Amino acid sequence: MDAKDHNNPELFTASDVARFCQVDLKTIHNWADKGEIRHFRTPGRHLRFRRLDVLDFLRKYGYPIPEVLRLGKPKVVAVDEDANVLAALRRVLTRRFELTTFQDSFDALVAVGNLQPDAIILDVKTSGLDGLRLLERLKSIEATAHIRSIVYSGHEDMRKPALEAGAYDFILKGEVSELRDSLERLMGLDRT
């Protein structure tokens, strides 16, 4: 990694992951081949790992989280029709996250491909949009499968369907600090 990558790494090499796990490079290749850790290959067939996929793997197997995974500001997209909700999210989240907000869900969907956020915050009950279908589609499309979703909604009855559709978490609207805590856990920014 060059100096820039060390300050805000988004992708990691097999050697990086081997160092985090204190295992041989061949072990990482074996785990990747077996599907134990999400990855993709560059056009030159080199393994690359997204930050959140590395975090998921390390947590799953009880490895400590290296400091380099806590660096930088993860990218988050928030979608809500209510400008006041978005303003509250900006006040609470912008210190730790690179936050982009949208009032229009279709504008957000068009932008997600270019922004490539780590996570998206949305309400599954948005006019003109089937939020549950969106969660399922984000998971099923290779280009967006790595994006984690947190549902931020006032509709408690949508908790179970949202989690079943692929949401990482469901937070009741108004619980902004709980939303921040959930994002920090997801991104490996919590100190626990």
N, C-alpha and C. Protein backbone atom coordinates (compact mmCIF):
# COMPACT_ATOMS: atom_id res chain seq x y z
N MET A 1 0.83 -1.19 0.00
CA MET A 1 0.00 0.00 0.00
C MET A 1 0.87 1.25 0.00
N ASP A 2 0.46 2.25 -0.77
CA ASP A 2 1.20 3.50 -0.72
C ASP A 2 0.65 4.35 0.42
N ALA A 3 1.25 5.52 0.64
CA ALA A 3 0.88 6.35 1.78
C ALA A 3 -0.59 6.75 1.75
N LYS A 4 -1.11 7.07 0.57
CA LYS A 4 -2.51 7.46 0.45
C LYS A 4 -3.42 6.32 0.91
N ASP A 5 -3.14 5.10 0.47
CA ASP A 5 -3.96 3.95 0.84
C ASP A 5 -3.94 3.71 2.34
N HIS A 6 -2.81 3.99 2.99
CA HIS A 6 -2.72 3.78 4.43
C HIS A 6 -3.62 4.74 5.19
N ASN A 7 -3.87 5.93 4.63
CA ASN A 7 -4.69 6.91 5.32
C ASN A 7 -6.18 6.62 5.21
N ASN A 8 -6.62 6.02 4.12
CA ASN A 8 -8.04 5.74 3.94
C ASN A 8 -8.20 4.51 3.06
N PRO A 9 -7.82 3.34 3.54
CA PRO A 9 -7.89 2.16 2.69
C PRO A 9 -9.32 1.70 2.45
N GLU A 10 -9.62 1.41 1.19
CA GLU A 10 -10.93 0.88 0.83
C GLU A 10 -10.80 -0.58 0.41
N LEU A 11 -9.64 -0.90 -0.17
CA LEU A 11 -9.39 -2.26 -0.63
C LEU A 11 -8.12 -2.80 0.01
N PHE A 12 -8.13 -4.11 0.24
CA PHE A 12 -6.96 -4.75 0.84
C PHE A 12 -6.51 -5.91 -0.03
N THR A 13 -5.23 -6.18 0.00
CA THR A 13 -4.65 -7.29 -0.76
C THR A 13 -4.71 -8.56 0.09
N ALA A 14 -4.43 -9.67 -0.54
CA ALA A 14 -4.36 -10.95 0.19
C ALA A 14 -3.26 -10.89 1.24
N SER A 15 -2.15 -10.22 0.93
CA SER A 15 -1.06 -10.07 1.90
C SER A 15 -1.51 -9.28 3.12
N ASP A 16 -2.31 -8.22 2.91
CA ASP A 16 -2.84 -7.44 4.03
C ASP A 16 -3.68 -8.33 4.94
N VAL A 17 -4.58 -9.09 4.34
CA VAL A 17 -5.48 -9.94 5.12
C VAL A 17 -4.70 -11.04 5.84
N ALA A 18 -3.68 -11.58 5.17
CA ALA A 18 -2.84 -12.60 5.81
C ALA A 18 -2.15 -12.00 7.05
N ARG A 19 -1.70 -10.76 6.95
CA ARG A 19 -1.05 -10.09 8.08
C ARG A 19 -2.06 -9.87 9.22
N PHE A 20 -3.29 -9.46 8.89
CA PHE A 20 -4.32 -9.25 9.91
C PHE A 20 -4.60 -10.55 10.67
N CYS A 21 -4.62 -11.67 9.94
CA CYS A 21 -4.97 -12.97 10.53
C CYS A 21 -3.76 -13.74 11.03
N GLN A 22 -2.57 -13.22 10.75
CA GLN A 22 -1.32 -13.87 11.12
C GLN A 22 -1.25 -15.30 10.57
N VAL A 23 -1.56 -15.40 9.26
CA VAL A 23 -1.50 -16.69 8.57
C VAL A 23 -0.70 -16.51 7.29
N ASP A 24 -0.39 -17.60 6.67
CA ASP A 24 0.33 -17.62 5.41
C ASP A 24 -0.55 -17.10 4.27
N LEU A 25 0.06 -16.49 3.28
CA LEU A 25 -0.66 -15.98 2.11
C LEU A 25 -1.48 -17.07 1.42
N LYS A 26 -0.94 -18.28 1.35
CA LYS A 26 -1.64 -19.40 0.72
C LYS A 26 -2.96 -19.70 1.45
N THR A 27 -2.97 -19.50 2.77
CA THR A 27 -4.19 -19.73 3.55
C THR A 27 -5.29 -18.78 3.11
N ILE A 28 -4.94 -17.53 2.87
CA ILE A 28 -5.92 -16.55 2.41
C ILE A 28 -6.48 -16.96 1.05
N HIS A 29 -5.61 -17.39 0.15
CA HIS A 29 -6.07 -17.86 -1.16
C HIS A 29 -7.00 -19.05 -1.01
N ASN A 30 -6.68 -19.97 -0.11
CA ASN A 30 -7.55 -21.13 0.12
C ASN A 30 -8.91 -20.69 0.67
N TRP A 31 -8.90 -19.78 1.65
CA TRP A 31 -10.16 -19.30 2.22
C TRP A 31 -11.00 -18.61 1.15
N ALA A 32 -10.35 -17.82 0.30
CA ALA A 32 -11.08 -17.12 -0.76
C ALA A 32 -11.67 -18.14 -1.75
N ASP A 33 -10.87 -19.13 -2.14
CA ASP A 33 -11.35 -20.15 -3.08
C ASP A 33 -12.53 -20.94 -2.51
N LYS A 34 -12.55 -21.14 -1.19
CA LYS A 34 -13.63 -21.88 -0.54
C LYS A 34 -14.84 -21.00 -0.24
N GLY A 35 -14.72 -19.69 -0.51
CA GLY A 35 -15.83 -18.78 -0.24
C GLY A 35 -15.94 -18.35 1.21
N GLU A 36 -14.89 -18.55 1.99
CA GLU A 36 -14.91 -18.18 3.40
C GLU A 36 -14.88 -16.66 3.61
N ILE A 37 -14.27 -15.94 2.66
CA ILE A 37 -14.17 -14.49 2.76
C ILE A 37 -14.53 -13.89 1.40
N ARG A 38 -15.45 -12.91 1.43
CA ARG A 38 -15.86 -12.25 0.18
C ARG A 38 -14.67 -11.53 -0.44
N HIS A 39 -14.57 -11.61 -1.74
CA HIS A 39 -13.46 -10.99 -2.45
C HIS A 39 -13.85 -10.78 -3.90
N PHE A 40 -12.98 -10.13 -4.64
CA PHE A 40 -13.10 -10.08 -6.09
C PHE A 40 -11.70 -10.14 -6.65
N ARG A 41 -11.61 -10.33 -7.92
CA ARG A 41 -10.30 -10.39 -8.57
C ARG A 41 -10.15 -9.23 -9.54
N THR A 42 -8.95 -8.68 -9.59
CA THR A 42 -8.64 -7.62 -10.54
C THR A 42 -8.53 -8.25 -11.93
N PRO A 43 -8.48 -7.44 -12.98
CA PRO A 43 -8.28 -8.02 -14.32
C PRO A 43 -7.01 -8.86 -14.41
N GLY A 44 -6.02 -8.57 -13.56
CA GLY A 44 -4.79 -9.36 -13.52
C GLY A 44 -4.90 -10.59 -12.61
N ARG A 45 -6.12 -10.87 -12.11
CA ARG A 45 -6.43 -12.04 -11.28
C ARG A 45 -5.90 -11.94 -9.85
N HIS A 46 -5.58 -10.73 -9.40
CA HIS A 46 -5.13 -10.53 -8.02
C HIS A 46 -6.34 -10.43 -7.10
N LEU A 47 -6.26 -11.02 -5.93
CA LEU A 47 -7.34 -10.94 -4.95
C LEU A 47 -7.40 -9.55 -4.34
N ARG A 48 -8.62 -9.04 -4.18
CA ARG A 48 -8.85 -7.79 -3.46
C ARG A 48 -10.03 -8.01 -2.53
N PHE A 49 -9.97 -7.33 -1.38
CA PHE A 49 -10.98 -7.48 -0.35
C PHE A 49 -11.46 -6.10 0.07
N ARG A 50 -12.77 -5.91 0.10
CA ARG A 50 -13.34 -4.64 0.58
C ARG A 50 -13.26 -4.61 2.10
N ARG A 51 -13.12 -3.42 2.62
CA ARG A 51 -12.97 -3.19 4.05
C ARG A 51 -14.03 -3.90 4.88
N LEU A 52 -15.30 -3.73 4.52
CA LEU A 52 -16.37 -4.33 5.32
C LEU A 52 -16.37 -5.85 5.24
N ASP A 53 -15.96 -6.39 4.11
CA ASP A 53 -15.88 -7.86 4.00
C ASP A 53 -14.77 -8.40 4.90
N VAL A 54 -13.66 -7.66 4.99
CA VAL A 54 -12.58 -8.07 5.89
C VAL A 54 -13.06 -7.99 7.34
N LEU A 55 -13.76 -6.90 7.67
CA LEU A 55 -14.30 -6.77 9.03
C LEU A 55 -15.24 -7.92 9.37
N ASP A 56 -16.15 -8.24 8.45
CA ASP A 56 -17.09 -9.36 8.67
C ASP A 56 -16.33 -10.64 8.97
N PHE A 57 -15.32 -10.91 8.16
CA PHE A 57 -14.54 -12.14 8.32
C PHE A 57 -13.81 -12.17 9.67
N LEU A 58 -13.14 -11.07 9.99
CA LEU A 58 -12.39 -11.01 11.25
C LEU A 58 -13.31 -11.20 12.46
N ARG A 59 -14.47 -10.56 12.41
CA ARG A 59 -15.42 -10.70 13.52
C ARG A 59 -15.96 -12.13 13.61
N LYS A 60 -16.29 -12.70 12.45
CA LYS A 60 -16.86 -14.05 12.43
C LYS A 60 -15.93 -15.06 13.10
N TYR A 61 -14.63 -14.89 12.90
CA TYR A 61 -13.67 -15.85 13.43
C TYR A 61 -12.91 -15.34 14.67
N GLY A 62 -13.35 -14.22 15.23
CA GLY A 62 -12.79 -13.75 16.48
C GLY A 62 -11.42 -13.11 16.42
N TYR A 63 -11.00 -12.66 15.24
CA TYR A 63 -9.72 -11.97 15.13
C TYR A 63 -9.85 -10.54 15.65
N PRO A 64 -8.77 -9.99 16.21
CA PRO A 64 -8.82 -8.58 16.62
C PRO A 64 -8.91 -7.68 15.38
N ILE A 65 -9.51 -6.52 15.55
CA ILE A 65 -9.67 -5.57 14.45
C ILE A 65 -8.45 -4.65 14.42
N PRO A 66 -7.64 -4.71 13.34
CA PRO A 66 -6.45 -3.84 13.25
C PRO A 66 -6.83 -2.36 13.12
N GLU A 67 -5.97 -1.50 13.61
CA GLU A 67 -6.22 -0.07 13.59
C GLU A 67 -6.44 0.45 12.17
N VAL A 68 -5.76 -0.11 11.18
CA VAL A 68 -5.89 0.38 9.80
C VAL A 68 -7.34 0.24 9.30
N LEU A 69 -8.10 -0.67 9.86
CA LEU A 69 -9.50 -0.82 9.46
C LEU A 69 -10.40 0.22 10.13
N ARG A 70 -9.85 0.95 11.08
CA ARG A 70 -10.62 1.98 11.77
C ARG A 70 -10.35 3.37 11.19
N LEU A 71 -9.41 3.47 10.26
CA LEU A 71 -9.02 4.76 9.70
C LEU A 71 -9.98 5.23 8.63
N GLY A 72 -9.95 6.51 8.38
CA GLY A 72 -10.74 7.08 7.29
C GLY A 72 -12.19 7.28 7.67
N LYS A 73 -12.92 7.84 6.74
CA LYS A 73 -14.34 8.07 6.91
C LYS A 73 -15.09 7.19 5.93
N PRO A 74 -15.78 6.18 6.42
CA PRO A 74 -16.57 5.35 5.51
C PRO A 74 -17.66 6.18 4.81
N LYS A 75 -17.96 5.79 3.58
CA LYS A 75 -18.97 6.49 2.79
C LYS A 75 -20.36 5.93 3.11
N VAL A 76 -21.29 6.86 3.38
CA VAL A 76 -22.66 6.48 3.69
C VAL A 76 -23.60 7.36 2.88
N VAL A 77 -24.63 6.73 2.32
CA VAL A 77 -25.71 7.44 1.63
C VAL A 77 -26.95 7.33 2.50
N ALA A 78 -27.62 8.47 2.74
CA ALA A 78 -28.87 8.47 3.50
C ALA A 78 -29.98 8.98 2.59
N VAL A 79 -31.09 8.26 2.62
CA VAL A 79 -32.24 8.62 1.78
C VAL A 79 -33.46 8.78 2.68
N ASP A 80 -34.07 9.96 2.64
CA ASP A 80 -35.30 10.19 3.38
C ASP A 80 -36.02 11.37 2.75
N GLU A 81 -37.33 11.27 2.65
CA GLU A 81 -38.12 12.35 2.06
C GLU A 81 -38.19 13.59 2.94
N ASP A 82 -37.95 13.43 4.23
CA ASP A 82 -38.05 14.52 5.19
C ASP A 82 -36.71 15.23 5.35
N ALA A 83 -36.66 16.48 4.94
CA ALA A 83 -35.43 17.27 5.03
C ALA A 83 -34.95 17.41 6.48
N ASN A 84 -35.87 17.44 7.45
CA ASN A 84 -35.49 17.54 8.86
C ASN A 84 -34.77 16.29 9.34
N VAL A 85 -35.20 15.13 8.87
CA VAL A 85 -34.53 13.88 9.21
C VAL A 85 -33.11 13.89 8.67
N LEU A 86 -32.96 14.31 7.41
CA LEU A 86 -31.63 14.37 6.79
C LEU A 86 -30.73 15.36 7.52
N ALA A 87 -31.29 16.49 7.94
CA ALA A 87 -30.50 17.48 8.68
C ALA A 87 -30.01 16.89 10.01
N ALA A 88 -30.88 16.15 10.69
CA ALA A 88 -30.49 15.52 11.96
C ALA A 88 -29.39 14.48 11.72
N LEU A 89 -29.50 13.72 10.64
CA LEU A 89 -28.47 12.73 10.32
C LEU A 89 -27.14 13.41 10.03
N ARG A 90 -27.17 14.52 9.28
CA ARG A 90 -25.94 15.25 8.99
C ARG A 90 -25.27 15.74 10.27
N ARG A 91 -26.07 16.27 11.21
CA ARG A 91 -25.51 16.78 12.47
C ARG A 91 -24.80 15.67 13.25
N VAL A 92 -25.37 14.48 13.25
CA VAL A 92 -24.85 13.40 14.10
C VAL A 92 -23.79 12.55 13.39
N LEU A 93 -23.88 12.40 12.08
CA LEU A 93 -23.03 11.42 11.39
C LEU A 93 -21.80 11.98 10.69
N THR A 94 -21.79 13.26 10.34
CA THR A 94 -20.70 13.75 9.48
C THR A 94 -19.33 13.78 10.15
N ARG A 95 -19.26 13.72 11.46
CA ARG A 95 -17.95 13.68 12.12
C ARG A 95 -17.22 12.38 11.80
N ARG A 96 -17.95 11.27 11.74
CA ARG A 96 -17.34 9.95 11.55
C ARG A 96 -17.50 9.38 10.14
N PHE A 97 -18.43 9.96 9.37
CA PHE A 97 -18.74 9.37 8.06
C PHE A 97 -18.77 10.43 6.97
N GLU A 98 -18.41 10.00 5.77
CA GLU A 98 -18.58 10.84 4.59
C GLU A 98 -20.01 10.62 4.13
N LEU A 99 -20.90 11.56 4.48
CA LEU A 99 -22.33 11.38 4.30
C LEU A 99 -22.84 12.14 3.09
N THR A 100 -23.58 11.46 2.23
CA THR A 100 -24.27 12.07 1.11
C THR A 100 -25.75 11.81 1.31
N THR A 101 -26.58 12.87 1.26
CA THR A 101 -28.00 12.71 1.53
C THR A 101 -28.84 13.00 0.29
N PHE A 102 -29.98 12.33 0.24
CA PHE A 102 -30.93 12.50 -0.86
C PHE A 102 -32.34 12.51 -0.31
N GLN A 103 -33.17 13.46 -0.78
CA GLN A 103 -34.59 13.43 -0.45
C GLN A 103 -35.34 12.58 -1.46
N ASP A 104 -34.84 12.49 -2.66
CA ASP A 104 -35.49 11.72 -3.71
C ASP A 104 -34.82 10.36 -3.84
N SER A 105 -35.58 9.30 -3.64
CA SER A 105 -35.01 7.95 -3.65
C SER A 105 -34.47 7.57 -5.03
N PHE A 106 -35.08 8.07 -6.08
CA PHE A 106 -34.58 7.72 -7.42
C PHE A 106 -33.24 8.40 -7.71
N ASP A 107 -33.09 9.64 -7.25
CA ASP A 107 -31.79 10.32 -7.39
C ASP A 107 -30.71 9.53 -6.64
N ALA A 108 -31.08 9.04 -5.45
CA ALA A 108 -30.13 8.26 -4.65
C ALA A 108 -29.72 6.99 -5.38
N LEU A 109 -30.69 6.30 -5.95
CA LEU A 109 -30.39 5.04 -6.64
C LEU A 109 -29.48 5.26 -7.84
N VAL A 110 -29.71 6.33 -8.56
CA VAL A 110 -28.86 6.64 -9.71
C VAL A 110 -27.43 6.94 -9.24
N ALA A 111 -27.30 7.64 -8.12
CA ALA A 111 -25.99 8.05 -7.61
C ALA A 111 -25.21 6.92 -6.94
N VAL A 112 -25.89 5.94 -6.40
CA VAL A 112 -25.22 4.87 -5.65
C VAL A 112 -24.15 4.17 -6.47
N GLY A 113 -24.40 3.94 -7.73
CA GLY A 113 -23.43 3.27 -8.59
C GLY A 113 -22.12 4.03 -8.68
N ASN A 114 -22.19 5.36 -8.76
CA ASN A 114 -20.98 6.18 -8.83
C ASN A 114 -20.35 6.40 -7.47
N LEU A 115 -21.17 6.59 -6.45
CA LEU A 115 -20.64 6.86 -5.11
C LEU A 115 -20.01 5.64 -4.47
N GLN A 116 -20.52 4.45 -4.77
CA GLN A 116 -20.05 3.20 -4.17
C GLN A 116 -19.88 3.33 -2.66
N PRO A 117 -21.00 3.62 -1.95
CA PRO A 117 -20.90 3.77 -0.50
C PRO A 117 -20.67 2.43 0.19
N ASP A 118 -20.21 2.51 1.43
CA ASP A 118 -20.09 1.32 2.26
C ASP A 118 -21.46 0.92 2.79
N ALA A 119 -22.31 1.93 3.03
CA ALA A 119 -23.63 1.66 3.59
C ALA A 119 -24.66 2.66 3.07
N ILE A 120 -25.91 2.24 3.12
CA ILE A 120 -27.02 3.11 2.76
C ILE A 120 -28.04 3.05 3.89
N ILE A 121 -28.55 4.22 4.25
CA ILE A 121 -29.59 4.34 5.28
C ILE A 121 -30.86 4.72 4.55
N LEU A 122 -31.93 3.97 4.77
CA LEU A 122 -33.17 4.30 4.09
C LEU A 122 -34.37 3.84 4.90
N ASP A 123 -35.52 4.44 4.57
CA ASP A 123 -36.79 4.03 5.13
C ASP A 123 -37.45 3.14 4.09
N VAL A 124 -37.90 1.97 4.48
CA VAL A 124 -38.52 1.07 3.51
C VAL A 124 -39.91 1.53 3.10
N LYS A 125 -40.48 2.48 3.83
CA LYS A 125 -41.80 3.04 3.49
C LYS A 125 -41.58 4.43 2.91
N THR A 126 -41.21 4.48 1.63
CA THR A 126 -40.98 5.73 0.94
C THR A 126 -41.90 5.77 -0.27
N SER A 127 -42.51 6.91 -0.53
CA SER A 127 -43.45 7.00 -1.64
C SER A 127 -42.75 6.69 -2.96
N GLY A 128 -43.41 5.88 -3.76
CA GLY A 128 -42.91 5.56 -5.09
C GLY A 128 -41.78 4.55 -5.11
N LEU A 129 -41.45 3.93 -3.97
CA LEU A 129 -40.34 2.99 -3.94
C LEU A 129 -40.69 1.81 -3.04
N ASP A 130 -40.44 0.62 -3.52
CA ASP A 130 -40.61 -0.58 -2.71
C ASP A 130 -39.28 -0.83 -2.01
N GLY A 131 -39.19 -0.38 -0.76
CA GLY A 131 -37.94 -0.46 -0.01
C GLY A 131 -37.46 -1.87 0.22
N LEU A 132 -38.39 -2.79 0.45
CA LEU A 132 -37.98 -4.18 0.65
C LEU A 132 -37.38 -4.76 -0.62
N ARG A 133 -38.00 -4.47 -1.75
CA ARG A 133 -37.46 -4.94 -3.03
C ARG A 133 -36.08 -4.33 -3.28
N LEU A 134 -35.92 -3.07 -2.92
CA LEU A 134 -34.62 -2.40 -3.08
C LEU A 134 -33.56 -3.12 -2.25
N LEU A 135 -33.85 -3.46 -1.00
CA LEU A 135 -32.90 -4.18 -0.16
C LEU A 135 -32.50 -5.50 -0.80
N GLU A 136 -33.49 -6.23 -1.31
CA GLU A 136 -33.21 -7.52 -1.95
C GLU A 136 -32.35 -7.34 -3.20
N ARG A 137 -32.66 -6.32 -4.00
CA ARG A 137 -31.91 -6.08 -5.24
C ARG A 137 -30.47 -5.63 -4.95
N LEU A 138 -30.28 -4.80 -3.94
CA LEU A 138 -28.91 -4.39 -3.60
C LEU A 138 -28.05 -5.61 -3.30
N LYS A 139 -28.61 -6.58 -2.60
CA LYS A 139 -27.86 -7.80 -2.25
C LYS A 139 -27.65 -8.71 -3.45
N SER A 140 -28.57 -8.69 -4.41
CA SER A 140 -28.51 -9.65 -5.51
C SER A 140 -27.68 -9.20 -6.71
N ILE A 141 -27.36 -7.92 -6.79
CA ILE A 141 -26.60 -7.39 -7.92
C ILE A 141 -25.13 -7.31 -7.51
N GLU A 142 -24.27 -7.90 -8.29
CA GLU A 142 -22.85 -7.99 -7.92
C GLU A 142 -22.21 -6.62 -7.64
N ALA A 143 -22.57 -5.62 -8.43
CA ALA A 143 -21.96 -4.29 -8.27
C ALA A 143 -22.36 -3.59 -6.98
N THR A 144 -23.47 -4.02 -6.35
CA THR A 144 -23.93 -3.37 -5.11
C THR A 144 -24.04 -4.34 -3.94
N ALA A 145 -23.70 -5.59 -4.12
CA ALA A 145 -23.87 -6.60 -3.06
C ALA A 145 -23.05 -6.27 -1.81
N HIS A 146 -21.97 -5.51 -1.97
CA HIS A 146 -21.12 -5.17 -0.82
C HIS A 146 -21.68 -4.03 0.03
N ILE A 147 -22.68 -3.31 -0.48
CA ILE A 147 -23.24 -2.16 0.24
C ILE A 147 -24.16 -2.67 1.35
N ARG A 148 -23.87 -2.28 2.57
CA ARG A 148 -24.70 -2.67 3.71
C ARG A 148 -25.86 -1.68 3.84
N SER A 149 -26.99 -2.17 4.28
CA SER A 149 -28.19 -1.34 4.41
C SER A 149 -28.65 -1.30 5.86
N ILE A 150 -29.00 -0.11 6.30
CA ILE A 150 -29.63 0.06 7.61
C ILE A 150 -30.96 0.75 7.36
N VAL A 151 -32.02 0.14 7.85
CA VAL A 151 -33.34 0.73 7.70
C VAL A 151 -33.57 1.64 8.91
N TYR A 152 -33.94 2.89 8.60
CA TYR A 152 -34.21 3.91 9.61
C TYR A 152 -35.66 4.33 9.38
N SER A 153 -36.57 3.77 10.17
CA SER A 153 -37.98 3.92 9.87
C SER A 153 -38.81 4.06 11.14
N GLY A 154 -39.93 4.71 11.00
CA GLY A 154 -40.88 4.83 12.10
C GLY A 154 -41.90 3.71 12.10
N HIS A 155 -41.77 2.79 11.17
CA HIS A 155 -42.72 1.69 11.02
C HIS A 155 -42.15 0.41 11.63
N GLU A 156 -42.34 0.24 12.93
CA GLU A 156 -41.81 -0.92 13.66
C GLU A 156 -42.25 -2.24 13.03
N ASP A 157 -43.43 -2.26 12.42
CA ASP A 157 -43.92 -3.49 11.79
C ASP A 157 -43.06 -3.93 10.60
N MET A 158 -42.18 -3.06 10.14
CA MET A 158 -41.31 -3.39 9.00
C MET A 158 -39.96 -3.97 9.44
N ARG A 159 -39.71 -4.06 10.74
CA ARG A 159 -38.43 -4.56 11.25
C ARG A 159 -38.11 -5.95 10.69
N LYS A 160 -38.99 -6.92 10.95
CA LYS A 160 -38.72 -8.30 10.54
C LYS A 160 -38.60 -8.42 9.00
N PRO A 161 -39.56 -7.86 8.24
CA PRO A 161 -39.40 -7.95 6.77
C PRO A 161 -38.13 -7.29 6.25
N ALA A 162 -37.72 -6.17 6.87
CA ALA A 162 -36.51 -5.46 6.42
C ALA A 162 -35.27 -6.30 6.68
N LEU A 163 -35.19 -6.91 7.87
CA LEU A 163 -34.04 -7.74 8.19
C LEU A 163 -34.01 -8.99 7.30
N GLU A 164 -35.18 -9.56 7.03
CA GLU A 164 -35.25 -10.73 6.13
C GLU A 164 -34.87 -10.38 4.70
N ALA A 165 -35.11 -9.11 4.31
CA ALA A 165 -34.77 -8.67 2.94
C ALA A 165 -33.30 -8.32 2.80
N GLY A 166 -32.55 -8.35 3.92
CA GLY A 166 -31.11 -8.13 3.82
C GLY A 166 -30.56 -6.94 4.57
N ALA A 167 -31.39 -6.21 5.31
CA ALA A 167 -30.88 -5.07 6.08
C ALA A 167 -29.95 -5.56 7.18
N TYR A 168 -28.89 -4.83 7.41
CA TYR A 168 -27.95 -5.14 8.50
C TYR A 168 -28.60 -4.86 9.85
N ASP A 169 -29.39 -3.78 9.91
CA ASP A 169 -30.01 -3.39 11.16
C ASP A 169 -31.28 -2.61 10.85
N PHE A 170 -32.13 -2.49 11.86
CA PHE A 170 -33.35 -1.70 11.78
C PHE A 170 -33.36 -0.78 13.00
N ILE A 171 -33.41 0.51 12.76
CA ILE A 171 -33.40 1.50 13.84
C ILE A 171 -34.66 2.35 13.71
N LEU A 172 -35.35 2.54 14.83
CA LEU A 172 -36.55 3.38 14.81
C LEU A 172 -36.16 4.83 14.57
N LYS A 173 -36.94 5.50 13.72
CA LYS A 173 -36.69 6.90 13.41
C LYS A 173 -36.74 7.73 14.68
N GLY A 174 -35.79 8.63 14.81
CA GLY A 174 -35.69 9.45 16.00
C GLY A 174 -34.54 9.00 16.90
N GLU A 175 -34.11 7.78 16.75
CA GLU A 175 -33.01 7.22 17.55
C GLU A 175 -31.68 7.43 16.80
N VAL A 176 -31.33 8.69 16.57
CA VAL A 176 -30.17 9.02 15.74
C VAL A 176 -28.87 8.51 16.37
N SER A 177 -28.74 8.59 17.69
CA SER A 177 -27.50 8.11 18.31
C SER A 177 -27.41 6.58 18.20
N GLU A 178 -28.54 5.90 18.28
CA GLU A 178 -28.53 4.45 18.08
C GLU A 178 -28.14 4.10 16.64
N LEU A 179 -28.60 4.91 15.69
CA LEU A 179 -28.22 4.72 14.29
C LEU A 179 -26.72 4.91 14.12
N ARG A 180 -26.17 5.97 14.73
CA ARG A 180 -24.72 6.21 14.67
C ARG A 180 -23.96 5.02 15.27
N ASP A 181 -24.41 4.53 16.42
CA ASP A 181 -23.76 3.39 17.07
C ASP A 181 -23.78 2.16 16.16
N SER A 182 -24.91 1.92 15.51
CA SER A 182 -25.03 0.77 14.62
C SER A 182 -24.07 0.90 13.43
N LEU A 183 -24.00 2.10 12.85
CA LEU A 183 -23.06 2.34 11.75
C LEU A 183 -21.61 2.15 12.20
N GLU A 184 -21.29 2.64 13.38
CA GLU A 184 -19.92 2.49 13.89
C GLU A 184 -19.56 1.03 14.10
N ARG A 185 -20.51 0.23 14.62
CA ARG A 185 -20.27 -1.20 14.78
C ARG A 185 -20.06 -1.85 13.42
N LEU A 186 -20.94 -1.52 12.48
CA LEU A 186 -20.86 -2.08 11.14
C LEU A 186 -19.51 -1.78 10.48
N MET A 187 -19.03 -0.56 10.66
CA MET A 187 -17.80 -0.12 10.00
C MET A 187 -16.54 -0.45 10.79
N GLY A 188 -16.69 -1.05 11.96
CA GLY A 188 -15.51 -1.38 12.77
C GLY A 188 -14.93 -0.18 13.48
N LEU A 189 -15.72 0.87 13.67
CA LEU A 189 -15.23 2.08 14.31
C LEU A 189 -15.44 2.06 15.81
N ASP A 190 -16.26 1.13 16.29
CA ASP A 190 -16.45 1.03 17.74
C ASP A 190 -15.17 0.50 18.36
N ARG A 191 -14.95 0.83 19.59
CA ARG A 191 -13.69 0.47 20.26
C ARG A 191 -13.82 -0.77 21.13
N THR A 192 -14.92 -1.50 20.97
CA THR A 192 -15.12 -2.68 21.81
C THR A 192 -14.43 -3.88 21.26
